[in-house]
Amino acid sequence: MRGNRGTFRSWAGWALAGVVVAAAARIAAAPAGEGTAGFSTYDYSEMDEGHEKAVRLAIPTGMQSIRGLLVNTNAAGGDTRTRYTLPYLKAFAALHSLAFVGARAFDSHPGSVTILEHALSRFVEQSGHAELANVPFVVYGFSAGGGFANRLLNTLPERVIASAPLSTAMRMEVPPGALDVPVCMFSGEQEERLNPLLTVTMQTQRPLGAHFAWAMVEGQGHREIDQATLAIPFLDHCIRLRYPLDADPRRGPVALKPLPLSSGWLADNSTWRSDLVKIAPCTAPDAQAATMSWLPDEDIAFIYRAYATFAPPLKLTSPPSGAAWILNQGAGITITADDSAFPGWKQLALYNGAHKLAEITQGPARFPLTGLTPGIYAFLVMGTDAHGLQRASRPALVIVSGAPAS
């Protein structure tokens, strides 16, 4: 749901103070504990193929009804069970009344999904939140965590609102139900073994109707760096587009809305190294449209274009391109940009997604904003030179916390 054109608003939220199947050899479930920063936490572990896999559920104190789960599992050797305290994940989850699931030793094997299902059954008993049996998922993970995201998508596609796997291949054959789930895949430019696999994924799955996109991170290898500046707005919009406003998981499973391919936008992956990635609505696709990235709406297409275009001459300096800042409701901010690599520009315009907020025809490149309402903002600057050539900065993510405006 869109509020005024200056913000991506949430339909459910709570006030956030401050800135910002293998046989089980052993099963353990910890009692509820008071987690960090106002969360109640619940822990579960189980053996799978000789490894202990652990899951943690974190529920914000005072949350009466959980509308979904933000599932963010671990990279190989990592542990995401405390990532619910990260300001940008915490603020994003709050805007949509999501609880958080993190894990240790999860991977792309089927046993990891089974253990998550076992854990949620136990958490229903421990937490008193019966809706955990029905809530849908938004999934975000790096490396092995991205592999788990893909496994969860292929196993329980009817419960996945959207997925953003980072630096992992879609190795499993994709079942038909999973093709309808919006997925934005990420890889580093230097991931020489991974990128051919993702090319095959796009070439084989997109013509079948897959709602898939792929963004490459310029100059990077196997690394989680700034993908959230596209992934969080992508997940945010998919929640708004797919979650029925009258759905209540306390009454039963949530029937997520399908997104017609024709309602989205396309991005041409062959133009990452051009001056500006080519984007267009799906209403008039060209001959190569079947293998292009599919994006849920115009806002995400603008953010994708700014994120995926290589060598941008404009750079946001406050907040910096690639940043994730958290502000309180009603706050003001001045967006500034470094235009030194784009001399002779005739116009600079500040955008939030696809919506133009302000423009200037002479420097300095400063854009003051006041009275920000709760929601997700993806700020970017578009510049136009004397020949009409347009270039974009990379986006910066700003999440404004607090109760959403009515």
Protein backbone atom coordinates (compact mmCIF):
# COMPACT_ATOMS: atom_id res chain seq x y z
CA MET A 1 0.00 0.00 0.00
CA ARG A 2 1.33 3.43 -0.87
CA GLY A 3 0.80 6.44 1.32
CA ASN A 4 1.93 9.85 0.10
CA ARG A 5 4.41 9.61 -2.74
CA GLY A 6 7.30 10.58 -0.50
CA THR A 7 7.46 7.35 1.48
CA PHE A 8 6.84 3.63 1.30
CA ARG A 9 4.43 3.17 4.21
CA SER A 10 3.64 0.06 6.21
CA TRP A 11 0.19 -1.31 6.88
CA ALA A 12 1.07 -2.68 10.31
CA GLY A 13 3.68 -1.57 12.80
CA TRP A 14 4.54 -0.91 16.39
CA ALA A 15 6.49 1.93 17.94
CA LEU A 16 10.25 1.44 17.92
CA ALA A 17 12.07 3.62 20.43
CA GLY A 18 15.44 5.14 19.70
CA VAL A 19 17.56 5.35 16.61
CA VAL A 20 17.79 3.14 15.17
CA VAL A 21 14.25 -35.03 7.23
CA ALA A 22 17.03 -36.96 9.00
CA ALA A 23 16.50 -38.87 12.21
CA ALA A 24 17.14 -36.67 15.21
CA ALA A 25 19.78 -38.04 17.54
CA ARG A 26 19.24 -35.24 20.04
CA ILE A 27 16.65 -32.50 20.34
CA ALA A 28 16.87 -29.58 22.73
CA ALA A 29 14.61 -26.61 23.33
CA ALA A 30 15.51 -23.78 25.66
CA PRO A 31 12.87 -21.96 27.74
CA ALA A 32 11.92 -18.43 26.86
CA GLY A 33 14.41 -15.78 27.81
CA GLU A 34 14.47 -12.00 27.75
CA GLY A 35 16.53 -11.21 24.68
CA THR A 36 18.62 -8.18 23.87
CA ALA A 37 16.94 -4.80 23.41
CA GLY A 38 13.38 -5.70 24.30
CA PHE A 39 12.96 -9.08 22.63
CA SER A 40 11.83 -12.41 24.02
CA THR A 41 13.93 -15.22 22.56
CA TYR A 42 13.32 -18.93 22.12
CA ASP A 43 16.02 -21.45 21.19
CA TYR A 44 15.88 -24.90 19.63
CA SER A 45 18.54 -27.31 18.39
CA GLU A 46 18.54 -30.68 16.66
CA MET A 47 21.09 -33.04 15.15
CA ASP A 48 21.08 -33.47 11.39
CA GLU A 49 23.62 -35.61 9.51
CA GLY A 50 26.01 -35.47 12.46
CA HIS A 51 25.77 -31.70 12.97
CA GLU A 52 23.89 -29.77 15.59
CA LYS A 53 21.71 -27.12 13.94
CA ALA A 54 20.35 -24.34 16.12
CA VAL A 55 17.43 -21.93 15.61
CA ARG A 56 16.46 -18.80 17.55
CA LEU A 57 13.14 -16.97 17.39
CA ALA A 58 13.15 -13.34 18.60
CA ILE A 59 9.80 -11.64 19.25
CA PRO A 60 9.65 -7.93 20.11
CA THR A 61 8.34 -7.39 23.62
CA GLY A 62 4.69 -6.40 23.50
CA MET A 63 3.99 -7.73 20.00
CA GLN A 64 0.45 -9.09 20.25
CA SER A 65 0.24 -10.75 16.86
CA ILE A 66 3.06 -11.86 14.56
CA ARG A 67 2.22 -11.22 10.91
CA GLY A 68 5.29 -12.92 9.45
CA LEU A 69 8.86 -14.06 10.00
CA LEU A 70 12.06 -12.44 8.76
CA VAL A 71 14.22 -15.53 8.19
CA ASN A 72 17.93 -14.69 8.04
CA THR A 73 20.07 -17.82 8.36
CA ASN A 74 23.82 -18.23 8.53
CA ALA A 75 26.68 -18.38 6.07
CA ALA A 76 28.97 -21.41 6.40
CA GLY A 77 30.58 -21.28 9.82
CA GLY A 78 28.46 -18.28 10.79
CA ASP A 79 25.70 -17.61 13.28
CA THR A 80 22.80 -15.20 12.69
CA ARG A 81 20.93 -15.81 15.93
CA THR A 82 21.79 -12.35 17.27
CA ARG A 83 21.21 -10.40 14.03
CA TYR A 84 17.75 -9.38 15.22
CA THR A 85 19.61 -6.59 17.07
CA LEU A 86 21.01 -5.09 13.84
CA PRO A 87 19.30 -1.70 13.51
CA TYR A 88 18.24 -2.01 9.87
CA LEU A 89 16.80 -5.52 10.28
CA LYS A 90 15.15 -4.55 13.56
CA ALA A 91 13.53 -1.44 12.07
CA PHE A 92 12.42 -3.22 8.89
CA ALA A 93 10.84 -6.06 10.87
CA ALA A 94 9.07 -3.59 13.16
CA LEU A 95 7.35 -1.82 10.27
CA HIS A 96 5.69 -5.08 9.24
CA SER A 97 5.18 -6.75 12.65
CA LEU A 98 7.67 -9.49 11.80
CA ALA A 99 9.44 -11.70 14.31
CA PHE A 100 13.01 -12.78 13.54
CA VAL A 101 14.51 -16.23 12.92
CA GLY A 102 18.26 -16.71 12.94
CA ALA A 103 20.30 -19.90 12.86
CA ARG A 104 23.65 -21.63 13.24
CA ALA A 105 24.87 -24.49 10.99
CA PHE A 106 21.94 -24.25 8.58
CA ASP A 107 22.58 -25.07 4.92
CA SER A 108 20.77 -25.92 1.70
CA HIS A 109 20.05 -29.51 2.73
CA PRO A 110 16.41 -30.56 3.22
CA GLY A 111 17.07 -31.32 6.90
CA SER A 112 17.49 -27.62 7.67
CA VAL A 113 13.92 -26.88 6.54
CA THR A 114 12.65 -29.81 8.58
CA ILE A 115 14.41 -28.51 11.67
CA LEU A 116 12.90 -25.06 11.13
CA GLU A 117 9.44 -26.66 11.01
CA HIS A 118 10.18 -28.60 14.21
CA ALA A 119 11.42 -25.42 15.89
CA LEU A 120 8.33 -23.43 14.95
CA SER A 121 6.09 -26.17 16.37
CA ARG A 122 8.00 -25.98 19.64
CA PHE A 123 7.94 -22.17 19.64
CA VAL A 124 4.14 -22.22 19.28
CA GLU A 125 3.97 -24.08 22.59
CA GLN A 126 6.58 -21.94 24.34
CA SER A 127 5.54 -18.49 23.17
CA GLY A 128 1.77 -18.82 23.06
CA HIS A 129 1.77 -17.45 19.51
CA ALA A 130 -0.32 -20.07 17.71
CA GLU A 131 -0.07 -17.99 14.50
CA LEU A 132 3.53 -19.18 14.08
CA ALA A 133 2.04 -22.27 12.45
CA ASN A 134 0.59 -20.07 9.69
CA VAL A 135 2.76 -16.97 9.25
CA PRO A 136 4.49 -16.42 5.89
CA PHE A 137 8.22 -15.77 5.50
CA VAL A 138 10.45 -13.12 3.98
CA VAL A 139 13.86 -14.69 3.51
CA TYR A 140 17.27 -13.04 3.38
CA GLY A 141 20.59 -14.86 3.57
CA PHE A 142 24.21 -14.80 2.45
CA SER A 143 26.17 -17.74 0.99
CA ALA A 144 24.93 -20.88 2.80
CA GLY A 145 22.14 -18.68 4.16
CA GLY A 146 21.17 -17.94 0.58
CA GLY A 147 21.28 -21.66 -0.13
CA PHE A 148 18.82 -22.20 2.70
CA ALA A 149 16.66 -19.42 1.29
CA ASN A 150 16.50 -21.31 -2.01
CA ARG A 151 15.73 -24.61 -0.28
CA LEU A 152 12.93 -23.01 1.75
CA LEU A 153 11.54 -21.44 -1.43
CA ASN A 154 11.46 -24.79 -3.18
CA THR A 155 10.04 -26.67 -0.18
CA LEU A 156 7.38 -24.27 1.13
CA PRO A 157 6.77 -21.79 -1.71
CA GLU A 158 3.22 -21.09 -0.56
CA ARG A 159 4.61 -19.53 2.64
CA VAL A 160 7.39 -17.42 1.07
CA ILE A 161 6.39 -13.81 0.36
CA ALA A 162 9.73 -13.00 -1.26
CA SER A 163 13.37 -14.02 -1.07
CA ALA A 164 16.74 -12.27 -1.42
CA PRO A 165 19.56 -14.87 -1.58
CA LEU A 166 23.08 -13.42 -1.64
CA SER A 167 26.05 -15.09 -3.35
CA THR A 168 24.56 -18.52 -3.89
CA ALA A 169 23.30 -20.53 -6.84
CA MET A 170 19.76 -21.76 -7.42
CA ARG A 171 21.06 -25.33 -7.57
CA MET A 172 17.76 -27.17 -7.13
CA GLU A 173 15.21 -27.68 -9.86
CA VAL A 174 12.59 -25.03 -9.24
CA PRO A 175 9.03 -26.39 -8.72
CA PRO A 176 6.17 -24.50 -10.40
CA GLY A 177 4.90 -22.90 -7.17
CA ALA A 178 8.29 -21.35 -6.51
CA LEU A 179 8.30 -19.58 -9.88
CA ASP A 180 5.52 -17.30 -8.63
CA VAL A 181 7.56 -16.05 -5.65
CA PRO A 182 9.53 -12.81 -6.24
CA VAL A 183 13.24 -13.51 -5.83
CA CYS A 184 16.12 -11.04 -6.16
CA MET A 185 19.46 -12.86 -6.41
CA PHE A 186 22.80 -11.14 -5.81
CA SER A 187 26.36 -12.03 -6.74
CA GLY A 188 29.74 -10.32 -6.80
CA GLU A 189 31.32 -9.37 -10.11
CA GLN A 190 34.39 -11.44 -9.18
CA GLU A 191 32.47 -14.63 -8.30
CA GLU A 192 33.68 -16.42 -11.41
CA ARG A 193 32.19 -19.83 -10.58
CA LEU A 194 28.82 -18.52 -9.41
CA ASN A 195 27.93 -16.07 -12.16
CA PRO A 196 27.68 -18.64 -14.98
CA LEU A 197 25.32 -20.66 -12.78
CA LEU A 198 23.07 -17.66 -12.22
CA THR A 199 23.14 -16.94 -15.95
CA VAL A 200 21.78 -20.44 -16.54
CA THR A 201 19.14 -19.92 -13.84
CA MET A 202 17.87 -16.78 -15.54
CA GLN A 203 18.00 -18.31 -19.03
CA THR A 204 16.11 -21.46 -18.00
CA GLN A 205 13.68 -20.23 -15.32
CA ARG A 206 12.63 -16.78 -16.52
CA PRO A 207 11.06 -18.12 -19.77
CA LEU A 208 8.97 -20.43 -17.56
CA GLY A 209 7.48 -17.39 -15.83
CA ALA A 210 9.83 -17.11 -12.85
CA HIS A 211 9.49 -13.84 -10.94
CA PHE A 212 13.29 -13.67 -10.64
CA ALA A 213 15.81 -10.83 -10.74
CA TRP A 214 19.60 -10.85 -10.55
CA ALA A 215 21.85 -7.97 -9.50
CA MET A 216 25.65 -8.05 -9.68
CA VAL A 217 27.77 -6.10 -7.18
CA GLU A 218 30.51 -4.24 -9.04
CA GLY A 219 34.09 -5.06 -8.08
CA GLN A 220 33.14 -7.46 -5.28
CA GLY A 221 33.71 -11.14 -4.66
CA HIS A 222 32.00 -13.45 -2.18
CA ARG A 223 31.04 -10.82 0.33
CA GLU A 224 28.01 -9.36 2.10
CA ILE A 225 28.47 -5.62 1.76
CA ASP A 226 25.67 -3.25 0.66
CA GLN A 227 23.08 -5.59 -0.88
CA ALA A 228 20.53 -4.49 1.74
CA THR A 229 20.07 -1.14 -0.03
CA LEU A 230 18.21 -3.02 -2.77
CA ALA A 231 17.15 -6.19 -0.92
CA ILE A 232 15.24 -4.45 1.90
CA PRO A 233 13.13 -2.21 -0.39
CA PHE A 234 12.52 -5.26 -2.61
CA LEU A 235 11.27 -7.34 0.33
CA ASP A 236 9.29 -4.38 1.67
CA HIS A 237 7.39 -3.87 -1.58
CA CYS A 238 6.72 -7.57 -2.00
CA ILE A 239 5.12 -7.66 1.46
CA ARG A 240 2.86 -4.74 0.53
CA LEU A 241 1.91 -6.26 -2.81
CA ARG A 242 1.39 -9.87 -1.71
CA TYR A 243 0.07 -9.77 1.89
CA PRO A 244 -3.74 -9.29 1.93
CA LEU A 245 -4.70 -6.39 4.18
CA ASP A 246 -7.44 -8.40 5.86
CA ALA A 247 -5.32 -11.52 6.41
CA ASP A 248 -4.77 -12.65 9.99
CA PRO A 249 -2.54 -15.70 10.59
CA ARG A 250 -4.32 -16.24 13.91
CA ARG A 251 -7.32 -17.38 11.86
CA GLY A 252 -5.37 -19.71 9.55
CA PRO A 253 -2.80 -19.78 6.73
CA VAL A 254 -2.29 -16.56 4.79
CA ALA A 255 -3.23 -16.87 1.11
CA LEU A 256 -0.59 -14.67 -0.49
CA LYS A 257 -1.57 -12.64 -3.54
CA PRO A 258 -0.08 -13.70 -6.89
CA LEU A 259 1.71 -11.02 -8.89
CA PRO A 260 0.99 -11.10 -12.64
CA LEU A 261 4.17 -10.86 -14.68
CA SER A 262 2.54 -8.10 -16.72
CA SER A 263 2.25 -5.86 -13.65
CA GLY A 264 5.99 -5.70 -13.06
CA TRP A 265 9.01 -4.06 -14.65
CA LEU A 266 11.99 -5.50 -16.51
CA ALA A 267 15.70 -4.74 -16.18
CA ASP A 268 18.15 -5.71 -18.90
CA ASN A 269 21.06 -7.51 -17.22
CA SER A 270 23.22 -7.05 -20.32
CA THR A 271 23.34 -3.28 -19.62
CA TRP A 272 25.00 -3.33 -16.17
CA ARG A 273 28.15 -1.84 -17.70
CA SER A 274 26.35 0.83 -19.73
CA ASP A 275 25.79 4.41 -18.58
CA LEU A 276 22.43 3.42 -17.08
CA VAL A 277 20.79 -0.01 -16.81
CA LYS A 278 17.85 -0.31 -19.18
CA ILE A 279 14.47 -0.68 -17.43
CA ALA A 280 10.93 -0.76 -18.81
CA PRO A 281 7.42 -1.82 -17.78
CA CYS A 282 6.40 -5.35 -18.76
CA THR A 283 3.53 -4.08 -20.87
CA ALA A 284 5.72 -3.83 -23.98
CA PRO A 285 8.55 -6.38 -23.57
CA ASP A 286 11.12 -6.83 -26.33
CA ALA A 287 12.43 -10.08 -27.76
CA GLN A 288 14.92 -10.56 -24.91
CA ALA A 289 12.40 -9.90 -22.13
CA ALA A 290 12.09 -13.57 -21.19
CA THR A 291 15.60 -13.59 -19.69
CA MET A 292 15.62 -10.10 -18.18
CA SER A 293 15.27 -9.46 -14.46
CA TRP A 294 11.65 -9.19 -13.34
CA LEU A 295 10.91 -6.56 -10.69
CA PRO A 296 7.62 -6.06 -8.82
CA ASP A 297 7.00 -2.38 -9.58
CA GLU A 298 8.40 0.91 -10.87
CA ASP A 299 9.92 1.97 -7.54
CA ILE A 300 12.00 -1.20 -7.28
CA ALA A 301 12.98 -0.85 -10.96
CA PHE A 302 14.40 2.63 -10.26
CA ILE A 303 16.26 1.38 -7.17
CA TYR A 304 17.56 -1.66 -9.07
CA ARG A 305 18.80 0.55 -11.92
CA ALA A 306 20.70 2.80 -9.51
CA TYR A 307 22.14 -0.16 -7.62
CA ALA A 308 23.14 -2.34 -10.57
CA THR A 309 24.65 0.26 -12.94
CA PHE A 310 28.45 0.04 -12.86
CA ALA A 311 30.80 3.02 -12.36
CA PRO A 312 28.28 5.69 -11.31
CA PRO A 313 29.83 9.19 -11.46
CA LEU A 314 27.50 10.56 -8.77
CA LYS A 315 27.92 9.47 -5.16
CA LEU A 316 25.72 10.14 -2.17
CA THR A 317 27.81 11.39 0.74
CA SER A 318 25.14 11.83 3.42
CA PRO A 319 23.90 9.23 3.86
CA PRO A 320 26.65 7.52 1.85
CA SER A 321 25.72 5.36 -1.12
CA GLY A 322 25.22 1.84 0.20
CA ALA A 323 24.42 2.99 3.74
CA ALA A 324 21.50 1.86 5.88
CA TRP A 325 20.44 4.64 8.26
CA ILE A 326 17.70 4.54 10.89
CA LEU A 327 15.76 7.68 11.85
CA ASN A 328 12.84 8.38 14.15
CA GLN A 329 9.41 9.47 12.99
CA GLY A 330 9.29 13.18 12.14
CA ALA A 331 13.05 13.48 11.67
CA GLY A 332 14.70 15.61 9.03
CA ILE A 333 17.68 14.80 6.86
CA THR A 334 19.79 16.60 4.25
CA ILE A 335 20.81 14.40 1.32
CA THR A 336 24.17 15.46 -0.14
CA ALA A 337 26.03 14.19 -3.18
CA ASP A 338 29.55 14.33 -4.65
CA ASP A 339 29.16 15.51 -8.27
CA SER A 340 32.88 16.01 -9.01
CA ALA A 341 32.98 13.08 -11.48
CA PHE A 342 29.98 14.44 -13.40
CA PRO A 343 31.10 17.95 -14.39
CA GLY A 344 28.91 20.23 -16.44
CA TRP A 345 25.65 18.74 -15.29
CA LYS A 346 22.49 20.68 -16.06
CA GLN A 347 20.17 19.12 -13.54
CA LEU A 348 20.38 16.96 -10.41
CA ALA A 349 17.20 15.40 -9.05
CA LEU A 350 16.63 13.59 -5.76
CA TYR A 351 14.44 10.49 -5.93
CA ASN A 352 12.86 8.16 -3.41
CA GLY A 353 12.41 5.07 -5.56
CA ALA A 354 10.68 6.31 -8.72
CA HIS A 355 9.28 9.46 -7.11
CA LYS A 356 11.12 12.73 -7.72
CA LEU A 357 11.34 14.75 -4.49
CA ALA A 358 13.39 17.77 -5.59
CA GLU A 359 15.67 19.05 -8.34
CA ILE A 360 18.35 21.72 -8.74
CA THR A 361 20.02 23.31 -11.76
CA GLN A 362 23.10 24.59 -9.95
CA GLY A 363 25.16 23.49 -6.96
CA PRO A 364 25.77 22.61 -4.26
CA ALA A 365 24.17 19.16 -4.43
CA ARG A 366 22.14 19.37 -1.21
CA PHE A 367 18.53 18.32 -0.68
CA PRO A 368 16.97 19.04 2.75
CA LEU A 369 13.96 16.95 3.79
CA THR A 370 11.82 17.36 6.90
CA GLY A 371 9.03 15.54 8.70
CA LEU A 372 9.77 12.05 7.46
CA THR A 373 6.98 9.56 8.13
CA PRO A 374 7.60 5.90 9.04
CA GLY A 375 8.59 3.63 6.20
CA ILE A 376 11.36 2.52 3.87
CA TYR A 377 13.17 5.16 1.80
CA ALA A 378 15.66 4.42 -0.97
CA PHE A 379 17.25 7.76 -1.89
CA LEU A 380 19.19 8.25 -5.11
CA VAL A 381 20.29 11.19 -7.25
CA MET A 382 19.78 11.32 -11.02
CA GLY A 383 21.92 13.71 -13.04
CA THR A 384 21.42 15.03 -16.57
CA ASP A 385 24.24 16.53 -18.66
CA ALA A 386 24.14 19.06 -21.52
CA HIS A 387 23.49 16.27 -24.06
CA GLY A 388 20.54 14.83 -22.12
CA LEU A 389 22.57 11.85 -20.86
CA GLN A 390 21.35 10.61 -17.50
CA ARG A 391 23.44 9.01 -14.80
CA ALA A 392 22.45 7.80 -11.33
CA SER A 393 24.09 7.51 -7.95
CA ARG A 394 23.87 4.25 -6.06
CA PRO A 395 21.01 4.29 -3.55
CA ALA A 396 21.12 4.80 0.21
CA LEU A 397 18.62 3.08 2.47
CA VAL A 398 16.87 5.07 5.21
CA ILE A 399 14.32 3.42 7.49
CA VAL A 400 12.11 5.74 9.54
CA SER A 401 10.81 3.94 12.59
CA GLY A 402 7.67 4.53 14.60
CA ALA A 403 3.95 3.97 14.23
CA PRO A 404 2.93 4.27 10.57
CA ALA A 405 0.75 7.17 9.54
CA SER A 406 -2.90 6.32 8.98
